PDB file of N, CA and C in Angstrom:
ATOM      1  N   UNK A   1       0.756  -1.267   0.074  1.00  0.00           N
ATOM      2  CA  UNK A   1       0.032  -0.019  -0.034  1.00  0.00           C
ATOM      3  C   UNK A   1       0.733   1.126   0.378  1.00  0.00           C
ATOM      4  N   UNK A   2       1.934   1.269   0.560  1.00  0.00           N
ATOM      5  CA  UNK A   2       3.106   2.246   0.807  1.00  0.00           C
ATOM      6  C   UNK A   2       3.103   2.875  -0.829  1.00  0.00           C
ATOM      7  N   UNK A   3       3.568   1.664  -1.540  1.00  0.00           N
ATOM      8  CA  UNK A   3       4.163   1.830  -3.028  1.00  0.00           C
ATOM      9  C   UNK A   3       3.011   2.616  -3.806  1.00  0.00           C
ATOM     10  N   UNK A   4       1.894   1.612  -3.374  1.00  0.00           N
ATOM     11  CA  UNK A   4       0.859   2.725  -4.521  1.00  0.00           C
ATOM     12  C   UNK A   4       0.594   4.358  -3.850  1.00  0.00           C
ATOM     13  N   UNK A   5       0.623   5.018  -2.491  1.00  0.00           N
ATOM     14  CA  UNK A   5       0.701   5.764  -2.028  1.00  0.00           C
ATOM     15  C   UNK A   5       2.016   6.552  -2.712  1.00  0.00           C
ATOM     16  N   UNK A   6       2.938   6.219  -2.909  1.00  0.00           N
ATOM     17  CA  UNK A   6       4.383   6.980  -3.086  1.00  0.00           C
ATOM     18  C   UNK A   6       4.456   7.065  -4.500  1.00  0.00           C
ATOM     19  N   UNK A   7       3.832   5.990  -5.539  1.00  0.00           N
ATOM     20  CA  UNK A   7       3.459   6.075  -6.535  1.00  0.00           C
ATOM     21  C   UNK A   7       2.333   7.223  -7.461  1.00  0.00           C
ATOM     22  N   UNK A   8       1.346   7.121  -6.558  1.00  0.00           N
ATOM     23  CA  UNK A   8       0.512   8.209  -6.659  1.00  0.00           C
ATOM     24  C   UNK A   8       1.103   9.494  -6.869  1.00  0.00           C
ATOM     25  N   UNK A   9       2.159  10.132  -5.946  1.00  0.00           N
ATOM     26  CA  UNK A   9       1.959  11.354  -5.260  1.00  0.00           C
ATOM     27  C   UNK A   9       3.624  11.582  -6.301  1.00  0.00           C
ATOM     28  N   UNK A  10       4.489  10.704  -6.928  1.00  0.00           N
ATOM     29  CA  UNK A  10       5.217  11.031  -8.026  1.00  0.00           C
ATOM     30  C   UNK A  10       4.544  10.913  -9.076  1.00  0.00           C
ATOM     31  N   UNK A  11       3.493  10.207  -9.444  1.00  0.00           N
ATOM     32  CA  UNK A  11       2.638  10.813 -10.517  1.00  0.00           C
ATOM     33  C   UNK A  11       1.940  12.082 -11.054  1.00  0.00           C
ATOM     34  N   UNK A  12       1.670  12.291 -10.042  1.00  0.00           N
ATOM     35  CA  UNK A  12       0.628  13.113  -9.617  1.00  0.00           C
ATOM     36  C   UNK A  12       1.894  14.672  -9.862  1.00  0.00           C
ATOM     37  N   UNK A  13       2.875  14.588  -9.174  1.00  0.00           N
ATOM     38  CA  UNK A  13       4.077  15.569  -9.361  1.00  0.00           C
ATOM     39  C   UNK A  13       4.781  15.975 -10.900  1.00  0.00           C
ATOM     40  N   UNK A  14       4.956  14.541 -11.421  1.00  0.00           N
ATOM     41  CA  UNK A  14       5.362  14.587 -12.970  1.00  0.00           C
ATOM     42  C   UNK A  14       4.212  15.161 -13.567  1.00  0.00           C
ATOM     43  N   UNK A  15       2.938  14.897 -13.643  1.00  0.00           N
ATOM     44  CA  UNK A  15       1.842  15.171 -14.715  1.00  0.00           C
ATOM     45  C   UNK A  15       1.683  16.850 -14.671  1.00  0.00           C
ATOM     46  N   UNK A  16       2.233  17.289 -13.114  1.00  0.00           N
ATOM     47  CA  UNK A  16       1.539  18.360 -12.686  1.00  0.00           C
ATOM     48  C   UNK A  16       2.976  19.451 -13.105  1.00  0.00           C
ATOM     49  N   UNK A  17       3.883  19.317 -13.271  1.00  0.00           N
ATOM     50  CA  UNK A  17       5.035  19.901 -13.638  1.00  0.00           C
ATOM     51  C   UNK A  17       5.096  20.074 -15.040  1.00  0.00           C
ATOM     52  N   UNK A  18       4.729  18.584 -15.938  1.00  0.00           N
ATOM     53  CA  UNK A  18       4.687  18.807 -17.154  1.00  0.00           C
ATOM     54  C   UNK A  18       3.529  19.738 -17.747  1.00  0.00           C
ATOM     55  N   UNK A  19       2.097  19.397 -16.784  1.00  0.00           N
ATOM     56  CA  UNK A  19       1.246  20.364 -17.191  1.00  0.00           C
ATOM     57  C   UNK A  19       1.687  21.827 -17.251  1.00  0.00           C
ATOM     58  N   UNK A  20       2.320  22.162 -16.414  1.00  0.00           N
ATOM     59  CA  UNK A  20       2.401  23.120 -16.141  1.00  0.00           C
ATOM     60  C   UNK A  20       3.417  24.082 -16.721  1.00  0.00           C
ATOM     61  N   UNK A  21       4.571  23.264 -17.322  1.00  0.00           N
ATOM     62  CA  UNK A  21       5.815  23.626 -18.295  1.00  0.00           C
ATOM     63  C   UNK A  21       5.296  23.637 -19.598  1.00  0.00           C
ATOM     64  N   UNK A  22       4.393  23.239 -19.827  1.00  0.00           N
ATOM     65  CA  UNK A  22       3.414  23.146 -21.290  1.00  0.00           C
ATOM     66  C   UNK A  22       2.508  24.406 -21.303  1.00  0.00           C
ATOM     67  N   UNK A  23       1.539  23.963 -20.175  1.00  0.00           N
ATOM     68  CA  UNK A  23       0.572  25.346 -20.455  1.00  0.00           C
ATOM     69  C   UNK A  23       0.961  26.695 -20.056  1.00  0.00           C
ATOM     70  N   UNK A  24       1.654  27.259 -19.187  1.00  0.00           N
ATOM     71  CA  UNK A  24       2.179  28.093 -18.662  1.00  0.00           C
ATOM     72  C   UNK A  24       3.488  28.428 -19.463  1.00  0.00           C
ATOM     73  N   UNK A  25       4.303  27.746 -19.114  1.00  0.00           N
ATOM     74  CA  UNK A  25       6.041  27.721 -20.044  1.00  0.00           C
ATOM     75  C   UNK A  25       6.146  27.535 -21.566  1.00  0.00           C
ATOM     76  N   UNK A  26       4.896  27.384 -21.975  1.00  0.00           N
ATOM     77  CA  UNK A  26       4.961  27.013 -23.501  1.00  0.00           C
ATOM     78  C   UNK A  26       5.901  26.757 -23.994  1.00  0.00           C
ATOM     79  N   UNK A  27       6.338  25.042 -23.367  1.00  0.00           N
ATOM     80  CA  UNK A  27       7.527  24.627 -24.062  1.00  0.00           C
ATOM     81  C   UNK A  27       7.187  23.419 -24.603  1.00  0.00           C
ATOM     82  N   UNK A  28       6.394  23.591 -26.096  1.00  0.00           N
ATOM     83  CA  UNK A  28       5.593  22.605 -26.561  1.00  0.00           C
ATOM     84  C   UNK A  28       6.427  21.734 -26.576  1.00  0.00           C
ATOM     85  N   UNK A  29       7.830  21.495 -26.966  1.00  0.00           N
ATOM     86  CA  UNK A  29       8.797  20.620 -27.470  1.00  0.00           C
ATOM     87  C   UNK A  29       8.646  19.095 -26.684  1.00  0.00           C
ATOM     88  N   UNK A  30       8.011  19.556 -25.500  1.00  0.00           N
ATOM     89  CA  UNK A  30       7.618  18.369 -24.683  1.00  0.00           C
ATOM     90  C   UNK A  30       6.837  17.513 -25.155  1.00  0.00           C
ATOM     91  N   UNK A  31       5.465  17.802 -25.817  1.00  0.00           N
ATOM     92  CA  UNK A  31       4.999  17.099 -26.611  1.00  0.00           C
ATOM     93  C   UNK A  31       5.101  16.063 -28.113  1.00  0.00           C
ATOM     94  N   UNK A  32       4.918  15.036 -27.941  1.00  0.00           N
ATOM     95  CA  UNK A  32       6.014  14.350 -28.441  1.00  0.00           C
ATOM     96  C   UNK A  32       5.178  14.823 -29.958  1.00  0.00           C
ATOM     97  N   UNK A  33       6.193  14.801 -30.537  1.00  0.00           N
ATOM     98  CA  UNK A  33       5.842  15.305 -32.432  1.00  0.00           C
ATOM     99  C   UNK A  33       5.342  16.637 -32.890  1.00  0.00           C
ATOM    100  N   UNK A  34       4.842  17.150 -31.623  1.00  0.00           N
ATOM    101  CA  UNK A  34       3.931  18.350 -32.028  1.00  0.00           C
ATOM    102  C   UNK A  34       5.028  19.362 -32.737  1.00  0.00           C
ATOM    103  N   UNK A  35       6.199  19.464 -32.408  1.00  0.00           N
ATOM    104  CA  UNK A  35       6.932  20.777 -33.407  1.00  0.00           C
ATOM    105  C   UNK A  35       6.764  20.215 -34.989  1.00  0.00           C
ATOM    106  N   UNK A  36       7.133  18.990 -35.754  1.00  0.00           N
ATOM    107  CA  UNK A  36       7.054  18.620 -36.749  1.00  0.00           C
ATOM    108  C   UNK A  36       5.056  19.261 -36.997  1.00  0.00           C
ATOM    109  N   UNK A  37       4.575  18.456 -36.659  1.00  0.00           N
ATOM    110  CA  UNK A  37       2.887  18.263 -36.744  1.00  0.00           C
ATOM    111  C   UNK A  37       2.350  19.893 -37.016  1.00  0.00           C
ATOM    112  N   UNK A  38       2.999  21.281 -36.115  1.00  0.00           N
ATOM    113  CA  UNK A  38       2.963  22.310 -36.157  1.00  0.00           C
ATOM    114  C   UNK A  38       3.517  22.714 -37.599  1.00  0.00           C
ATOM    115  N   UNK A  39       4.347  22.439 -37.648  1.00  0.00           N
ATOM    116  CA  UNK A  39       5.120  23.319 -39.126  1.00  0.00           C
ATOM    117  C   UNK A  39       4.269  22.914 -40.248  1.00  0.00           C
ATOM    118  N   UNK A  40       3.681  21.396 -40.444  1.00  0.00           N
ATOM    119  CA  UNK A  40       2.920  20.715 -40.938  1.00  0.00           C
ATOM    120  C   UNK A  40       1.719  21.413 -41.165  1.00  0.00           C
ATOM    121  N   UNK A  41       1.548  22.117 -40.456  1.00  0.00           N
ATOM    122  CA  UNK A  41      -0.386  22.466 -40.376  1.00  0.00           C
ATOM    123  C   UNK A  41      -1.426  21.493 -39.640  1.00  0.00           C
ATOM    124  N   UNK A  42      -0.697  20.736 -38.943  1.00  0.00           N
ATOM    125  CA  UNK A  42      -1.486  19.879 -38.599  1.00  0.00           C
ATOM    126  C   UNK A  42      -2.551  19.798 -37.153  1.00  0.00           C
ATOM    127  N   UNK A  43      -1.283  20.592 -36.321  1.00  0.00           N
ATOM    128  CA  UNK A  43      -1.786  20.925 -34.936  1.00  0.00           C
ATOM    129  C   UNK A  43      -1.576  22.242 -34.717  1.00  0.00           C
ATOM    130  N   UNK A  44      -2.134  23.062 -33.544  1.00  0.00           N
ATOM    131  CA  UNK A  44      -1.716  24.454 -33.255  1.00  0.00           C
ATOM    132  C   UNK A  44      -1.382  24.502 -32.123  1.00  0.00           C
ATOM    133  N   UNK A  45      -1.469  26.358 -31.734  1.00  0.00           N
ATOM    134  CA  UNK A  45      -1.447  26.499 -30.197  1.00  0.00           C
ATOM    135  C   UNK A  45      -2.580  25.861 -29.291  1.00  0.00           C
ATOM    136  N   UNK A  46      -3.581  25.443 -30.023  1.00  0.00           N
ATOM    137  CA  UNK A  46      -4.608  25.625 -29.332  1.00  0.00           C
ATOM    138  C   UNK A  46      -4.332  23.938 -28.976  1.00  0.00           C
ATOM    139  N   UNK A  47      -4.097  23.312 -29.507  1.00  0.00           N
ATOM    140  CA  UNK A  47      -4.256  21.705 -29.241  1.00  0.00           C
ATOM    141  C   UNK A  47      -3.284  21.383 -28.062  1.00  0.00           C
ATOM    142  N   UNK A  48      -1.615  22.539 -28.237  1.00  0.00           N
ATOM    143  CA  UNK A  48      -0.707  22.311 -27.107  1.00  0.00           C
ATOM    144  C   UNK A  48      -1.518  22.719 -25.791  1.00  0.00           C
ATOM    145  N   UNK A  49      -2.133  24.080 -25.808  1.00  0.00           N
ATOM    146  CA  UNK A  49      -2.686  24.146 -24.548  1.00  0.00           C
ATOM    147  C   UNK A  49      -3.499  23.427 -24.010  1.00  0.00           C
ATOM    148  N   UNK A  50      -4.691  22.694 -24.573  1.00  0.00           N
ATOM    149  CA  UNK A  50      -5.814  21.905 -24.300  1.00  0.00           C
ATOM    150  C   UNK A  50      -4.365  20.861 -23.632  1.00  0.00           C
ATOM    151  N   UNK A  51      -3.470  20.109 -24.466  1.00  0.00           N
ATOM    152  CA  UNK A  51      -3.110  19.128 -23.471  1.00  0.00           C
ATOM    153  C   UNK A  51      -2.019  19.412 -22.200  1.00  0.00           C
ATOM    154  N   UNK A  52      -1.693  20.874 -22.159  1.00  0.00           N
ATOM    155  CA  UNK A  52      -0.755  21.405 -21.275  1.00  0.00           C
ATOM    156  C   UNK A  52      -2.261  21.083 -19.587  1.00  0.00           C
ATOM    157  N   UNK A  53      -2.915  21.348 -20.621  1.00  0.00           N
ATOM    158  CA  UNK A  53      -4.297  21.673 -19.163  1.00  0.00           C
ATOM    159  C   UNK A  53      -4.687  20.280 -18.984  1.00  0.00           C
ATOM    160  N   UNK A  54      -4.978  19.347 -20.049  1.00  0.00           N
ATOM    161  CA  UNK A  54      -5.357  18.018 -19.089  1.00  0.00           C
ATOM    162  C   UNK A  54      -4.052  17.545 -18.137  1.00  0.00           C
ATOM    163  N   UNK A  55      -2.964  17.494 -18.891  1.00  0.00           N
ATOM    164  CA  UNK A  55      -1.690  17.357 -18.288  1.00  0.00           C
ATOM    165  C   UNK A  55      -2.064  18.399 -16.274  1.00  0.00           C
ATOM    166  N   UNK A  56      -2.147  19.403 -16.599  1.00  0.00           N
ATOM    167  CA  UNK A  56      -1.653  19.787 -15.138  1.00  0.00           C
ATOM    168  C   UNK A  56      -3.542  19.614 -14.581  1.00  0.00           C
ATOM    169  N   UNK A  57      -4.485  19.490 -14.663  1.00  0.00           N
ATOM    170  CA  UNK A  57      -5.787  18.780 -14.027  1.00  0.00           C
ATOM    171  C   UNK A  57      -5.534  17.008 -13.816  1.00  0.00           C
ATOM    172  N   UNK A  58      -4.868  16.643 -14.704  1.00  0.00           N
ATOM    173  CA  UNK A  58      -4.586  15.295 -14.001  1.00  0.00           C
ATOM    174  C   UNK A  58      -3.414  15.047 -12.600  1.00  0.00           C
ATOM    175  N   UNK A  59      -2.700  15.958 -12.983  1.00  0.00           N
ATOM    176  CA  UNK A  59      -1.817  16.120 -12.193  1.00  0.00           C
ATOM    177  C   UNK A  59      -1.971  16.498 -10.540  1.00  0.00           C
ATOM    178  N   UNK A  60      -3.331  17.725 -10.791  1.00  0.00           N
ATOM    179  CA  UNK A  60      -3.953  18.115  -9.773  1.00  0.00           C
ATOM    180  C   UNK A  60      -4.504  16.695  -8.840  1.00  0.00           C
ATOM    181  N   UNK A  61      -5.160  16.023  -9.765  1.00  0.00           N
ATOM    182  CA  UNK A  61      -6.014  15.099  -9.083  1.00  0.00           C
ATOM    183  C   UNK A  61      -5.440  14.371  -8.611  1.00  0.00           C
ATOM    184  N   UNK A  62      -4.102  13.626  -9.573  1.00  0.00           N
ATOM    185  CA  UNK A  62      -3.344  12.818  -8.884  1.00  0.00           C
ATOM    186  C   UNK A  62      -2.255  12.594  -7.083  1.00  0.00           C
ATOM    187  N   UNK A  63      -2.214  14.483  -7.316  1.00  0.00           N
ATOM    188  CA  UNK A  63      -1.299  14.741  -6.107  1.00  0.00           C
ATOM    189  C   UNK A  63      -2.611  14.539  -4.970  1.00  0.00           C
ATOM    190  N   UNK A  64      -3.061  15.080  -5.282  1.00  0.00           N
ATOM    191  CA  UNK A  64      -4.481  15.298  -4.257  1.00  0.00           C
ATOM    192  C   UNK A  64      -4.981  14.230  -3.894  1.00  0.00           C
ATOM    193  N   UNK A  65      -5.215  12.848  -4.699  1.00  0.00           N
ATOM    194  CA  UNK A  65      -5.234  11.605  -4.292  1.00  0.00           C
ATOM    195  C   UNK A  65      -4.132  10.824  -3.412  1.00  0.00           C
ATOM    196  N   UNK A  66      -3.300  11.592  -3.556  1.00  0.00           N
ATOM    197  CA  UNK A  66      -1.840  10.439  -3.035  1.00  0.00           C
ATOM    198  C   UNK A  66      -1.722  11.041  -1.394  1.00  0.00           C
ATOM    199  N   UNK A  67      -2.060  12.535  -1.530  1.00  0.00           N
ATOM    200  CA  UNK A  67      -2.112  13.214  -0.295  1.00  0.00           C
ATOM    201  C   UNK A  67      -3.154  12.551   0.692  1.00  0.00           C
ATOM    202  N   UNK A  68      -4.620  12.463  -0.307  1.00  0.00           N
ATOM    203  CA  UNK A  68      -5.505  12.128   0.665  1.00  0.00           C
ATOM    204  C   UNK A  68      -5.036  10.471   1.072  1.00  0.00           C
ATOM    205  N   UNK A  69      -4.521   9.898   0.506  1.00  0.00           N
ATOM    206  CA  UNK A  69      -4.308   8.418   0.905  1.00  0.00           C
ATOM    207  C   UNK A  69      -3.214   8.172   1.819  1.00  0.00           C
ATOM    208  N   UNK A  70      -2.035   9.361   1.502  1.00  0.00           N
ATOM    209  CA  UNK A  70      -1.484   9.195   2.777  1.00  0.00           C
ATOM    210  C   UNK A  70      -1.867   9.586   4.360  1.00  0.00           C
ATOM    211  N   UNK A  71      -2.744  10.268   4.133  1.00  0.00           N
ATOM    212  CA  UNK A  71      -3.042  10.905   5.699  1.00  0.00           C
ATOM    213  C   UNK A  71      -4.171  10.206   5.849  1.00  0.00           C
ATOM    214  N   UNK A  72      -5.256   9.872   4.979  1.00  0.00           N
ATOM    215  CA  UNK A  72      -6.349   9.098   5.511  1.00  0.00           C
ATOM    216  C   UNK A  72      -6.121   7.507   5.702  1.00  0.00           C
ATOM    217  N   UNK A  73      -5.367   6.898   4.742  1.00  0.00           N
ATOM    218  CA  UNK A  73      -5.044   5.538   4.823  1.00  0.00           C
ATOM    219  C   UNK A  73      -3.838   4.769   5.605  1.00  0.00           C
TER     220      UNK A  73
END
């Protein structure tokens, strides 16, 4: 159970950091294949912002879940 708690917190932090880097820092190179697709016109900046926001939300949810598991379980 302790491994699950630690893994949840670590995954939450990873998703949160990547989401922040993509959404706020505009580091779109963290999205796999985005730069080549952007140059070819298949993806735009809105797509990158949505990916960053989704990762940010998943990171927050996982981090809160992990902390709740540590406190209550």
